[in-house]
Amino acid sequence: MIRVALVATLATTVVAAPAHSVAFWKQIADNKYAVPAGSDLPQLTAELTEMLASPDPELRDDIGYSTLAAWIYQTRVLEGETLGTLVTTLLGNLIAGIGETGTDRIFRRSFSALTLGAVVARDNAAPVLSAVEFHRIERAAFAYLRDERDLRGYDAERGWMHSAAHTADLLKFIARSRFLAADGQTRLLDAIREKLQTAPTVFTHGEDERFARAVLSIVNRSDFDRDAFKAWTLRAKPARLPEKFTTAQLSGAQNSKNLLAKLQVLLTADAQPSDAIQFARDSVRAALEGAF
């Protein structure tokens, strides 16, 4: 089991310049992400983690996130104290500048959420987290989903920001965890519903599909709580707009409709649906009646 420090430090607003060149990191990628002989793995991991905050999409996406994801999930060279230190840093990053909008600190928060998704995915495939460690990530994910106000999707020069979609990806893997408590299904579903219903904007960069995939992960669980899911679909049902409505009411209704519609598409894509899939499909269809 990895050891995660109890207190996470806030990330700084300054992005440190990488110690190694782009060519150095590209060589690692070309070598199937093998760690160069004699390298200081914790130092390289810290350098990559700082790249997650870069406004340069090559450093952030192509090098920082891609290499960390490979070392976490594919080659699994990150483990023990090094992985624990990484998780602690990522959890701290989620609250660095939280509540502000329009600043570059969105990259640090958003890509830390995405990288935490790789950690939970690793644990789902090959256990490496304790229950305590998992629930720390789970709580942090729910808090970040609730508190993040910078919902920008994509910038032509700086690339993906995508905080909502990256958090949805993290929730997707949390939804598959063996550690998800009995009431965790409802808490996760409601966290998604509340975000979509209260967001001040209509998501237009594929976020609804990413959230729908997180919901689908709940449906596919062996302990899928059908009654709780059906009750959730009624809460997630798009609100009927009054004659005079606010833009916030419109955004919430549209986001709810888009989520359920994307979920319905995913549920109908299975040529041989399980009983759980059929139940969920019927529940979602009922919630969408009159929405179109």
C-alpha atoms as a PDB file:
ATOM      1  CA  MET A   1       0.000   0.000   0.000  1.00  0.00           C
ATOM      2  CA  ILE A   2       1.219   3.494  -0.699  1.00  0.00           C
ATOM      3  CA  ARG A   3       1.550   6.015   2.095  1.00  0.00           C
ATOM      4  CA  VAL A   4      -0.069   9.396   1.556  1.00  0.00           C
ATOM      5  CA  ALA A   5       0.816  12.315   3.826  1.00  0.00           C
ATOM      6  CA  LEU A   6      -2.082  13.588   5.877  1.00  0.00           C
ATOM      7  CA  VAL A   7      -1.450  17.219   5.030  1.00  0.00           C
ATOM      8  CA  ALA A   8      -1.219  18.328   1.402  1.00  0.00           C
ATOM      9  CA  THR A   9       0.605  21.519   0.576  1.00  0.00           C
ATOM     10  CA  LEU A  10      -0.810  24.089  -1.798  1.00  0.00           C
ATOM     11  CA  ALA A  11       0.792  24.312  -5.193  1.00  0.00           C
ATOM     12  CA  THR A  12       2.530  27.558  -5.996  1.00  0.00           C
ATOM     13  CA  THR A  13       1.282  29.886  -8.683  1.00  0.00           C
ATOM     14  CA  VAL A  14       4.654  29.824 -10.468  1.00  0.00           C
ATOM     15  CA  VAL A  15       5.337  26.989 -12.891  1.00  0.00           C
ATOM     16  CA  ALA A  16       8.938  25.860 -12.574  1.00  0.00           C
ATOM     17  CA  ALA A  17      10.908  25.435 -15.779  1.00  0.00           C
ATOM     18  CA  PRO A  18      11.555  21.763 -16.583  1.00  0.00           C
ATOM     19  CA  ALA A  19      15.028  20.579 -15.671  1.00  0.00           C
ATOM     20  CA  HIS A  20      15.175  18.362 -18.736  1.00  0.00           C
ATOM     21  CA  SER A  21      14.665  19.197 -22.394  1.00  0.00           C
ATOM     22  CA  VAL A  22      11.674  18.263 -24.504  1.00  0.00           C
ATOM     23  CA  ALA A  23      14.004  15.976 -26.462  1.00  0.00           C
ATOM     24  CA  PHE A  24      14.871  14.092 -23.253  1.00  0.00           C
ATOM     25  CA  TRP A  25      11.209  13.374 -22.551  1.00  0.00           C
ATOM     26  CA  LYS A  26      10.408  12.489 -26.156  1.00  0.00           C
ATOM     27  CA  GLN A  27      13.199   9.935 -26.047  1.00  0.00           C
ATOM     28  CA  ILE A  28      11.565   8.340 -23.012  1.00  0.00           C
ATOM     29  CA  ALA A  29       8.231   8.170 -24.856  1.00  0.00           C
ATOM     30  CA  ASP A  30       9.927   6.675 -27.913  1.00  0.00           C
ATOM     31  CA  ASN A  31      11.481   4.060 -25.618  1.00  0.00           C
ATOM     32  CA  LYS A  32       8.030   2.943 -24.422  1.00  0.00           C
ATOM     33  CA  TYR A  33       8.323   5.136 -21.335  1.00  0.00           C
ATOM     34  CA  ALA A  34      11.227   3.195 -19.877  1.00  0.00           C
ATOM     35  CA  VAL A  35      12.929   5.137 -17.070  1.00  0.00           C
ATOM     36  CA  PRO A  36      16.496   5.998 -18.121  1.00  0.00           C
ATOM     37  CA  ALA A  37      19.108   3.988 -16.255  1.00  0.00           C
ATOM     38  CA  GLY A  38      20.502   5.775 -13.227  1.00  0.00           C
ATOM     39  CA  SER A  39      17.670   8.318 -13.122  1.00  0.00           C
ATOM     40  CA  ASP A  40      16.228   9.753  -9.927  1.00  0.00           C
ATOM     41  CA  LEU A  41      12.633   8.589 -10.347  1.00  0.00           C
ATOM     42  CA  PRO A  42      11.131  10.757  -7.568  1.00  0.00           C
ATOM     43  CA  GLN A  43      12.833  13.842  -9.045  1.00  0.00           C
ATOM     44  CA  LEU A  44      11.604  13.045 -12.545  1.00  0.00           C
ATOM     45  CA  THR A  45       8.101  12.472 -11.176  1.00  0.00           C
ATOM     46  CA  ALA A  46       8.147  15.842  -9.428  1.00  0.00           C
ATOM     47  CA  GLU A  47       9.290  17.511 -12.646  1.00  0.00           C
ATOM     48  CA  LEU A  48       6.470  15.911 -14.618  1.00  0.00           C
ATOM     49  CA  THR A  49       3.933  16.862 -11.943  1.00  0.00           C
ATOM     50  CA  GLU A  50       4.944  20.504 -12.267  1.00  0.00           C
ATOM     51  CA  MET A  51       4.433  20.271 -16.028  1.00  0.00           C
ATOM     52  CA  LEU A  52       0.746  19.598 -15.415  1.00  0.00           C
ATOM     53  CA  ALA A  53       0.446  23.303 -14.577  1.00  0.00           C
ATOM     54  CA  SER A  54       2.067  24.515 -17.782  1.00  0.00           C
ATOM     55  CA  PRO A  55       0.020  26.595 -20.253  1.00  0.00           C
ATOM     56  CA  ASP A  56       2.079  24.912 -22.990  1.00  0.00           C
ATOM     57  CA  PRO A  57       0.040  21.921 -24.230  1.00  0.00           C
ATOM     58  CA  GLU A  58       3.157  20.041 -25.326  1.00  0.00           C
ATOM     59  CA  LEU A  59       4.666  20.153 -21.855  1.00  0.00           C
ATOM     60  CA  ARG A  60       1.338  19.620 -20.083  1.00  0.00           C
ATOM     61  CA  ASP A  61      -0.458  17.041 -22.242  1.00  0.00           C
ATOM     62  CA  ASP A  62       2.149  15.369 -24.424  1.00  0.00           C
ATOM     63  CA  ILE A  63       4.884  15.103 -21.809  1.00  0.00           C
ATOM     64  CA  GLY A  64       3.618  15.747 -18.273  1.00  0.00           C
ATOM     65  CA  TYR A  65       0.326  13.898 -18.226  1.00  0.00           C
ATOM     66  CA  SER A  66       1.180  11.253 -20.833  1.00  0.00           C
ATOM     67  CA  THR A  67       4.372  10.192 -19.074  1.00  0.00           C
ATOM     68  CA  LEU A  68       2.822  10.183 -15.610  1.00  0.00           C
ATOM     69  CA  ALA A  69      -0.148   8.158 -16.857  1.00  0.00           C
ATOM     70  CA  ALA A  70       2.198   5.641 -18.470  1.00  0.00           C
ATOM     71  CA  TRP A  71       4.342   5.309 -15.341  1.00  0.00           C
ATOM     72  CA  ILE A  72       1.276   5.015 -13.125  1.00  0.00           C
ATOM     73  CA  TYR A  73      -0.924   2.687 -15.156  1.00  0.00           C
ATOM     74  CA  GLN A  74       0.991   1.061 -18.001  1.00  0.00           C
ATOM     75  CA  THR A  75       4.552   0.384 -16.847  1.00  0.00           C
ATOM     76  CA  ARG A  76       3.620   0.805 -13.142  1.00  0.00           C
ATOM     77  CA  VAL A  77       7.064   1.993 -12.147  1.00  0.00           C
ATOM     78  CA  LEU A  78       5.520   4.488  -9.720  1.00  0.00           C
ATOM     79  CA  GLU A  79       4.707   2.815  -6.435  1.00  0.00           C
ATOM     80  CA  GLY A  80       5.282   3.025  -2.714  1.00  0.00           C
ATOM     81  CA  GLU A  81       6.537   6.321  -1.336  1.00  0.00           C
ATOM     82  CA  THR A  82       7.024   7.881  -4.774  1.00  0.00           C
ATOM     83  CA  LEU A  83       3.423   7.216  -5.727  1.00  0.00           C
ATOM     84  CA  GLY A  84       2.241   8.361  -2.306  1.00  0.00           C
ATOM     85  CA  THR A  85       4.112  11.656  -2.635  1.00  0.00           C
ATOM     86  CA  LEU A  86       2.606  12.152  -6.088  1.00  0.00           C
ATOM     87  CA  VAL A  87      -0.923  11.577  -4.783  1.00  0.00           C
ATOM     88  CA  THR A  88      -0.362  14.030  -1.926  1.00  0.00           C
ATOM     89  CA  THR A  89       0.831  16.687  -4.368  1.00  0.00           C
ATOM     90  CA  LEU A  90      -2.087  16.098  -6.735  1.00  0.00           C
ATOM     91  CA  LEU A  91      -4.613  16.373  -3.906  1.00  0.00           C
ATOM     92  CA  GLY A  92      -3.075  19.672  -2.864  1.00  0.00           C
ATOM     93  CA  ASN A  93      -3.161  20.893  -6.454  1.00  0.00           C
ATOM     94  CA  LEU A  94      -6.937  20.474  -6.571  1.00  0.00           C
ATOM     95  CA  ILE A  95      -7.396  23.409  -4.205  1.00  0.00           C
ATOM     96  CA  ALA A  96      -4.686  25.701  -5.610  1.00  0.00           C
ATOM     97  CA  GLY A  97      -6.629  28.830  -6.560  1.00  0.00           C
ATOM     98  CA  ILE A  98      -9.959  27.044  -6.316  1.00  0.00           C
ATOM     99  CA  GLY A  99     -12.904  29.367  -6.878  1.00  0.00           C
ATOM    100  CA  GLU A 100     -11.107  31.693  -9.280  1.00  0.00           C
ATOM    101  CA  THR A 101     -11.779  31.785 -13.014  1.00  0.00           C
ATOM    102  CA  GLY A 102      -9.845  32.850 -16.067  1.00  0.00           C
ATOM    103  CA  THR A 103      -6.361  32.145 -14.697  1.00  0.00           C
ATOM    104  CA  ASP A 104      -3.704  29.664 -15.730  1.00  0.00           C
ATOM    105  CA  ARG A 105      -3.988  27.832 -12.420  1.00  0.00           C
ATOM    106  CA  ILE A 106      -6.862  25.904 -13.987  1.00  0.00           C
ATOM    107  CA  PHE A 107      -4.281  23.690 -15.697  1.00  0.00           C
ATOM    108  CA  ARG A 108      -2.737  22.585 -12.411  1.00  0.00           C
ATOM    109  CA  ARG A 109      -6.110  21.723 -10.898  1.00  0.00           C
ATOM    110  CA  SER A 110      -7.684  20.121 -13.936  1.00  0.00           C
ATOM    111  CA  PHE A 111      -4.755  17.945 -14.972  1.00  0.00           C
ATOM    112  CA  SER A 112      -4.176  16.876 -11.383  1.00  0.00           C
ATOM    113  CA  ALA A 113      -7.736  15.538 -11.355  1.00  0.00           C
ATOM    114  CA  LEU A 114      -7.054  13.691 -14.590  1.00  0.00           C
ATOM    115  CA  THR A 115      -3.845  12.186 -13.210  1.00  0.00           C
ATOM    116  CA  LEU A 116      -5.614  11.068 -10.042  1.00  0.00           C
ATOM    117  CA  GLY A 117      -7.944   9.186 -12.368  1.00  0.00           C
ATOM    118  CA  ALA A 118      -4.938   7.213 -13.599  1.00  0.00           C
ATOM    119  CA  VAL A 119      -4.046   6.382  -9.981  1.00  0.00           C
ATOM    120  CA  VAL A 120      -7.520   5.029  -9.227  1.00  0.00           C
ATOM    121  CA  ALA A 121      -7.574   3.163 -12.551  1.00  0.00           C
ATOM    122  CA  ARG A 122      -4.251   1.562 -11.549  1.00  0.00           C
ATOM    123  CA  ASP A 123      -5.731   0.511  -8.221  1.00  0.00           C
ATOM    124  CA  ASN A 124      -8.758  -0.969  -9.975  1.00  0.00           C
ATOM    125  CA  ALA A 125      -6.477  -3.068 -12.185  1.00  0.00           C
ATOM    126  CA  ALA A 126      -3.773  -3.928  -9.632  1.00  0.00           C
ATOM    127  CA  PRO A 127      -4.508  -2.909  -6.010  1.00  0.00           C
ATOM    128  CA  VAL A 128      -2.133  -0.296  -4.669  1.00  0.00           C
ATOM    129  CA  LEU A 129      -4.380   1.897  -2.483  1.00  0.00           C
ATOM    130  CA  SER A 130      -5.728   1.251   0.976  1.00  0.00           C
ATOM    131  CA  ALA A 131      -9.368   2.003   1.745  1.00  0.00           C
ATOM    132  CA  VAL A 132      -8.298   5.124   3.649  1.00  0.00           C
ATOM    133  CA  GLU A 133      -6.239   6.366   0.722  1.00  0.00           C
ATOM    134  CA  PHE A 134      -9.058   5.707  -1.730  1.00  0.00           C
ATOM    135  CA  HIS A 135     -11.608   7.585   0.341  1.00  0.00           C
ATOM    136  CA  ARG A 136      -9.278  10.588   0.614  1.00  0.00           C
ATOM    137  CA  ILE A 137      -9.200  10.745  -3.172  1.00  0.00           C
ATOM    138  CA  GLU A 138     -12.948  10.196  -3.363  1.00  0.00           C
ATOM    139  CA  ARG A 139     -13.698  13.053  -0.951  1.00  0.00           C
ATOM    140  CA  ALA A 140     -11.282  15.344  -2.750  1.00  0.00           C
ATOM    141  CA  ALA A 141     -12.879  14.518  -6.105  1.00  0.00           C
ATOM    142  CA  PHE A 142     -16.365  15.372  -4.860  1.00  0.00           C
ATOM    143  CA  ALA A 143     -15.125  18.618  -3.306  1.00  0.00           C
ATOM    144  CA  TYR A 144     -13.277  19.594  -6.478  1.00  0.00           C
ATOM    145  CA  LEU A 145     -16.290  18.858  -8.655  1.00  0.00           C
ATOM    146  CA  ARG A 146     -18.428  21.036  -6.398  1.00  0.00           C
ATOM    147  CA  ASP A 147     -15.995  23.922  -5.946  1.00  0.00           C
ATOM    148  CA  GLU A 148     -14.381  24.347  -9.365  1.00  0.00           C
ATOM    149  CA  ARG A 149     -15.728  27.481 -11.057  1.00  0.00           C
ATOM    150  CA  ASP A 150     -13.452  27.625 -14.095  1.00  0.00           C
ATOM    151  CA  LEU A 151     -15.379  25.499 -16.580  1.00  0.00           C
ATOM    152  CA  ARG A 152     -13.591  26.491 -19.762  1.00  0.00           C
ATOM    153  CA  GLY A 153     -13.187  23.642 -22.221  1.00  0.00           C
ATOM    154  CA  TYR A 154     -10.657  24.379 -24.934  1.00  0.00           C
ATOM    155  CA  ASP A 155      -8.410  27.214 -26.049  1.00  0.00           C
ATOM    156  CA  ALA A 156      -6.948  27.280 -29.554  1.00  0.00           C
ATOM    157  CA  GLU A 157      -3.471  28.231 -28.287  1.00  0.00           C
ATOM    158  CA  ARG A 158      -3.281  26.645 -24.846  1.00  0.00           C
ATOM    159  CA  GLY A 159      -5.275  23.524 -25.542  1.00  0.00           C
ATOM    160  CA  TRP A 160      -7.565  21.674 -23.170  1.00  0.00           C
ATOM    161  CA  MET A 161      -8.546  23.051 -19.783  1.00  0.00           C
ATOM    162  CA  HIS A 162     -11.558  20.763 -19.403  1.00  0.00           C
ATOM    163  CA  SER A 163     -11.873  20.641 -15.622  1.00  0.00           C
ATOM    164  CA  ALA A 164     -15.374  19.148 -15.709  1.00  0.00           C
ATOM    165  CA  ALA A 165     -14.453  16.396 -18.167  1.00  0.00           C
ATOM    166  CA  HIS A 166     -11.256  15.535 -16.299  1.00  0.00           C
ATOM    167  CA  THR A 167     -13.169  15.289 -13.041  1.00  0.00           C
ATOM    168  CA  ALA A 168     -15.742  13.093 -14.786  1.00  0.00           C
ATOM    169  CA  ASP A 169     -12.920  10.772 -15.832  1.00  0.00           C
ATOM    170  CA  LEU A 170     -11.734  10.576 -12.222  1.00  0.00           C
ATOM    171  CA  LEU A 171     -15.274   9.816 -11.056  1.00  0.00           C
ATOM    172  CA  LYS A 172     -15.580   7.100 -13.707  1.00  0.00           C
ATOM    173  CA  PHE A 173     -12.730   5.173 -12.121  1.00  0.00           C
ATOM    174  CA  ILE A 174     -13.944   5.910  -8.592  1.00  0.00           C
ATOM    175  CA  ALA A 175     -17.300   4.431  -9.669  1.00  0.00           C
ATOM    176  CA  ARG A 176     -15.544   1.162 -10.532  1.00  0.00           C
ATOM    177  CA  SER A 177     -13.617   0.844  -7.276  1.00  0.00           C
ATOM    178  CA  ARG A 178     -13.991  -2.063  -4.875  1.00  0.00           C
ATOM    179  CA  PHE A 179     -13.833   0.525  -2.113  1.00  0.00           C
ATOM    180  CA  LEU A 180     -16.944   2.440  -3.150  1.00  0.00           C
ATOM    181  CA  ALA A 181     -19.260   2.221  -0.133  1.00  0.00           C
ATOM    182  CA  ALA A 182     -22.870   1.047  -0.307  1.00  0.00           C
ATOM    183  CA  ASP A 183     -24.135   4.624  -0.288  1.00  0.00           C
ATOM    184  CA  GLY A 184     -21.316   5.773  -2.520  1.00  0.00           C
ATOM    185  CA  GLN A 185     -23.276   5.091  -5.683  1.00  0.00           C
ATOM    186  CA  THR A 186     -25.938   7.645  -4.797  1.00  0.00           C
ATOM    187  CA  ARG A 187     -23.386  10.175  -3.553  1.00  0.00           C
ATOM    188  CA  LEU A 188     -21.454   9.969  -6.814  1.00  0.00           C
ATOM    189  CA  LEU A 189     -24.568  10.182  -8.978  1.00  0.00           C
ATOM    190  CA  ASP A 190     -25.891  13.157  -7.042  1.00  0.00           C
ATOM    191  CA  ALA A 191     -22.546  14.934  -7.189  1.00  0.00           C
ATOM    192  CA  ILE A 192     -22.721  14.733 -10.978  1.00  0.00           C
ATOM    193  CA  ARG A 193     -26.367  15.789 -11.080  1.00  0.00           C
ATOM    194  CA  GLU A 194     -25.801  18.779  -8.836  1.00  0.00           C
ATOM    195  CA  LYS A 195     -22.841  19.990 -10.886  1.00  0.00           C
ATOM    196  CA  LEU A 196     -24.767  19.850 -14.126  1.00  0.00           C
ATOM    197  CA  GLN A 197     -27.909  21.377 -12.719  1.00  0.00           C
ATOM    198  CA  THR A 198     -26.092  24.283 -11.063  1.00  0.00           C
ATOM    199  CA  ALA A 199     -23.383  25.036 -13.644  1.00  0.00           C
ATOM    200  CA  PRO A 200     -23.700  28.620 -14.920  1.00  0.00           C
ATOM    201  CA  THR A 201     -23.123  27.514 -18.482  1.00  0.00           C
ATOM    202  CA  VAL A 202     -24.145  24.778 -20.910  1.00  0.00           C
ATOM    203  CA  PHE A 203     -21.284  22.347 -21.403  1.00  0.00           C
ATOM    204  CA  THR A 204     -20.310  22.189 -25.066  1.00  0.00           C
ATOM    205  CA  HIS A 205     -16.985  20.326 -25.125  1.00  0.00           C
ATOM    206  CA  GLY A 206     -18.110  16.758 -24.566  1.00  0.00           C
ATOM    207  CA  GLU A 207     -18.375  17.000 -20.790  1.00  0.00           C
ATOM    208  CA  ASP A 208     -21.879  15.485 -20.775  1.00  0.00           C
ATOM    209  CA  GLU A 209     -20.624  12.313 -22.444  1.00  0.00           C
ATOM    210  CA  ARG A 210     -17.748  12.006 -19.974  1.00  0.00           C
ATOM    211  CA  PHE A 211     -20.165  12.332 -17.050  1.00  0.00           C
ATOM    212  CA  ALA A 212     -22.479   9.808 -18.719  1.00  0.00           C
ATOM    213  CA  ARG A 213     -19.622   7.306 -18.823  1.00  0.00           C
ATOM    214  CA  ALA A 214     -19.082   7.793 -15.107  1.00  0.00           C
ATOM    215  CA  VAL A 215     -22.759   7.032 -14.536  1.00  0.00           C
ATOM    216  CA  LEU A 216     -22.477   3.987 -16.796  1.00  0.00           C
ATOM    217  CA  SER A 217     -19.692   2.679 -14.551  1.00  0.00           C
ATOM    218  CA  ILE A 218     -22.192   2.669 -11.682  1.00  0.00           C
ATOM    219  CA  VAL A 219     -24.715   0.727 -13.768  1.00  0.00           C
ATOM    220  CA  ASN A 220     -22.076  -1.881 -14.624  1.00  0.00           C
ATOM    221  CA  ARG A 221     -21.174  -2.596 -10.996  1.00  0.00           C
ATOM    222  CA  SER A 222     -21.989  -6.061  -9.690  1.00  0.00           C
ATOM    223  CA  ASP A 223     -23.689  -4.421  -6.699  1.00  0.00           C
ATOM    224  CA  PHE A 224     -25.640  -1.896  -8.798  1.00  0.00           C
ATOM    225  CA  ASP A 225     -28.379  -0.363  -6.656  1.00  0.00           C
ATOM    226  CA  ARG A 226     -31.349  -0.271  -9.018  1.00  0.00           C
ATOM    227  CA  ASP A 227     -33.775   1.458  -6.685  1.00  0.00           C
ATOM    228  CA  ALA A 228     -31.296   4.198  -5.892  1.00  0.00           C
ATOM    229  CA  PHE A 229     -30.534   4.674  -9.581  1.00  0.00           C
ATOM    230  CA  LYS A 230     -34.182   4.956 -10.560  1.00  0.00           C
ATOM    231  CA  ALA A 231     -34.742   7.531  -7.823  1.00  0.00           C
ATOM    232  CA  TRP A 232     -31.715   9.440  -9.105  1.00  0.00           C
ATOM    233  CA  THR A 233     -33.065   9.586 -12.653  1.00  0.00           C
ATOM    234  CA  LEU A 234     -36.137  11.357 -11.305  1.00  0.00           C
ATOM    235  CA  ARG A 235     -33.942  13.929  -9.547  1.00  0.00           C
ATOM    236  CA  ALA A 236     -31.846  14.292 -12.699  1.00  0.00           C
ATOM    237  CA  LYS A 237     -34.916  14.792 -14.896  1.00  0.00           C
ATOM    238  CA  PRO A 238     -34.653  18.108 -16.800  1.00  0.00           C
ATOM    239  CA  ALA A 239     -36.613  20.788 -14.961  1.00  0.00           C
ATOM    240  CA  ARG A 240     -39.612  22.258 -16.710  1.00  0.00           C
ATOM    241  CA  LEU A 241     -38.825  25.907 -17.309  1.00  0.00           C
ATOM    242  CA  PRO A 242     -41.263  28.556 -16.102  1.00  0.00           C
ATOM    243  CA  GLU A 243     -42.637  31.142 -18.511  1.00  0.00           C
ATOM    244  CA  LYS A 244     -39.910  33.517 -17.419  1.00  0.00           C
ATOM    245  CA  PHE A 245     -36.646  31.788 -16.649  1.00  0.00           C
ATOM    246  CA  THR A 246     -33.071  32.721 -15.888  1.00  0.00           C
ATOM    247  CA  THR A 247     -30.038  31.714 -17.895  1.00  0.00           C
ATOM    248  CA  ALA A 248     -28.970  29.567 -14.927  1.00  0.00           C
ATOM    249  CA  GLN A 249     -32.269  27.672 -15.036  1.00  0.00           C
ATOM    250  CA  LEU A 250     -31.879  27.181 -18.771  1.00  0.00           C
ATOM    251  CA  SER A 251     -28.304  25.925 -18.412  1.00  0.00           C
ATOM    252  CA  GLY A 252     -29.267  23.486 -15.680  1.00  0.00           C
ATOM    253  CA  ALA A 253     -32.179  22.061 -17.647  1.00  0.00           C
ATOM    254  CA  GLN A 254     -30.119  21.730 -20.827  1.00  0.00           C
ATOM    255  CA  ASN A 255     -27.185  20.085 -19.041  1.00  0.00           C
ATOM    256  CA  SER A 256     -29.540  17.586 -17.397  1.00  0.00           C
ATOM    257  CA  LYS A 257     -31.161  16.762 -20.707  1.00  0.00           C
ATOM    258  CA  ASN A 258     -27.797  16.374 -22.435  1.00  0.00           C
ATOM    259  CA  LEU A 259     -26.492  14.069 -19.696  1.00  0.00           C
ATOM    260  CA  LEU A 260     -29.478  11.746 -19.797  1.00  0.00           C
ATOM    261  CA  ALA A 261     -29.565  11.768 -23.595  1.00  0.00           C
ATOM    262  CA  LYS A 262     -25.888  10.785 -23.818  1.00  0.00           C
ATOM    263  CA  LEU A 263     -26.429   8.143 -21.159  1.00  0.00           C
ATOM    264  CA  GLN A 264     -29.343   6.747 -23.146  1.00  0.00           C
ATOM    265  CA  VAL A 265     -27.125   6.477 -26.231  1.00  0.00           C
ATOM    266  CA  LEU A 266     -24.458   4.606 -24.265  1.00  0.00           C
ATOM    267  CA  LEU A 267     -27.029   2.278 -22.731  1.00  0.00           C
ATOM    268  CA  THR A 268     -28.503   1.381 -26.124  1.00  0.00           C
ATOM    269  CA  ALA A 269     -25.108   0.725 -27.735  1.00  0.00           C
ATOM    270  CA  ASP A 270     -24.772  -2.710 -26.122  1.00  0.00           C
ATOM    271  CA  ALA A 271     -26.010  -5.386 -28.534  1.00  0.00           C
ATOM    272  CA  GLN A 272     -26.484  -7.849 -25.669  1.00  0.00           C
ATOM    273  CA  PRO A 273     -27.455  -5.686 -22.704  1.00  0.00           C
ATOM    274  CA  SER A 274     -27.404  -7.075 -19.194  1.00  0.00           C
ATOM    275  CA  ASP A 275     -30.463  -6.894 -16.984  1.00  0.00           C
ATOM    276  CA  ALA A 276     -28.898  -3.903 -15.236  1.00  0.00           C
ATOM    277  CA  ILE A 277     -28.337  -2.091 -18.526  1.00  0.00           C
ATOM    278  CA  GLN A 278     -31.927  -2.731 -19.598  1.00  0.00           C
ATOM    279  CA  PHE A 279     -33.223  -1.496 -16.257  1.00  0.00           C
ATOM    280  CA  ALA A 280     -31.115   1.657 -16.437  1.00  0.00           C
ATOM    281  CA  ARG A 281     -32.154   2.267 -20.046  1.00  0.00           C
ATOM    282  CA  ASP A 282     -35.843   2.051 -19.128  1.00  0.00           C
ATOM    283  CA  SER A 283     -35.345   4.385 -16.170  1.00  0.00           C
ATOM    284  CA  VAL A 284     -33.500   6.969 -18.238  1.00  0.00           C
ATOM    285  CA  ARG A 285     -36.053   6.771 -21.033  1.00  0.00           C
ATOM    286  CA  ALA A 286     -38.831   7.466 -18.534  1.00  0.00           C
ATOM    287  CA  ALA A 287     -36.946  10.469 -17.159  1.00  0.00           C
ATOM    288  CA  LEU A 288     -36.521  11.860 -20.679  1.00  0.00           C
ATOM    289  CA  GLU A 289     -40.201  11.635 -21.603  1.00  0.00           C
ATOM    290  CA  GLY A 290     -41.367  15.037 -22.789  1.00  0.00           C
ATOM    291  CA  ALA A 291     -37.841  16.475 -22.800  1.00  0.00           C
ATOM    292  CA  PHE A 292     -37.594  16.560 -26.603  1.00  0.00           C
END
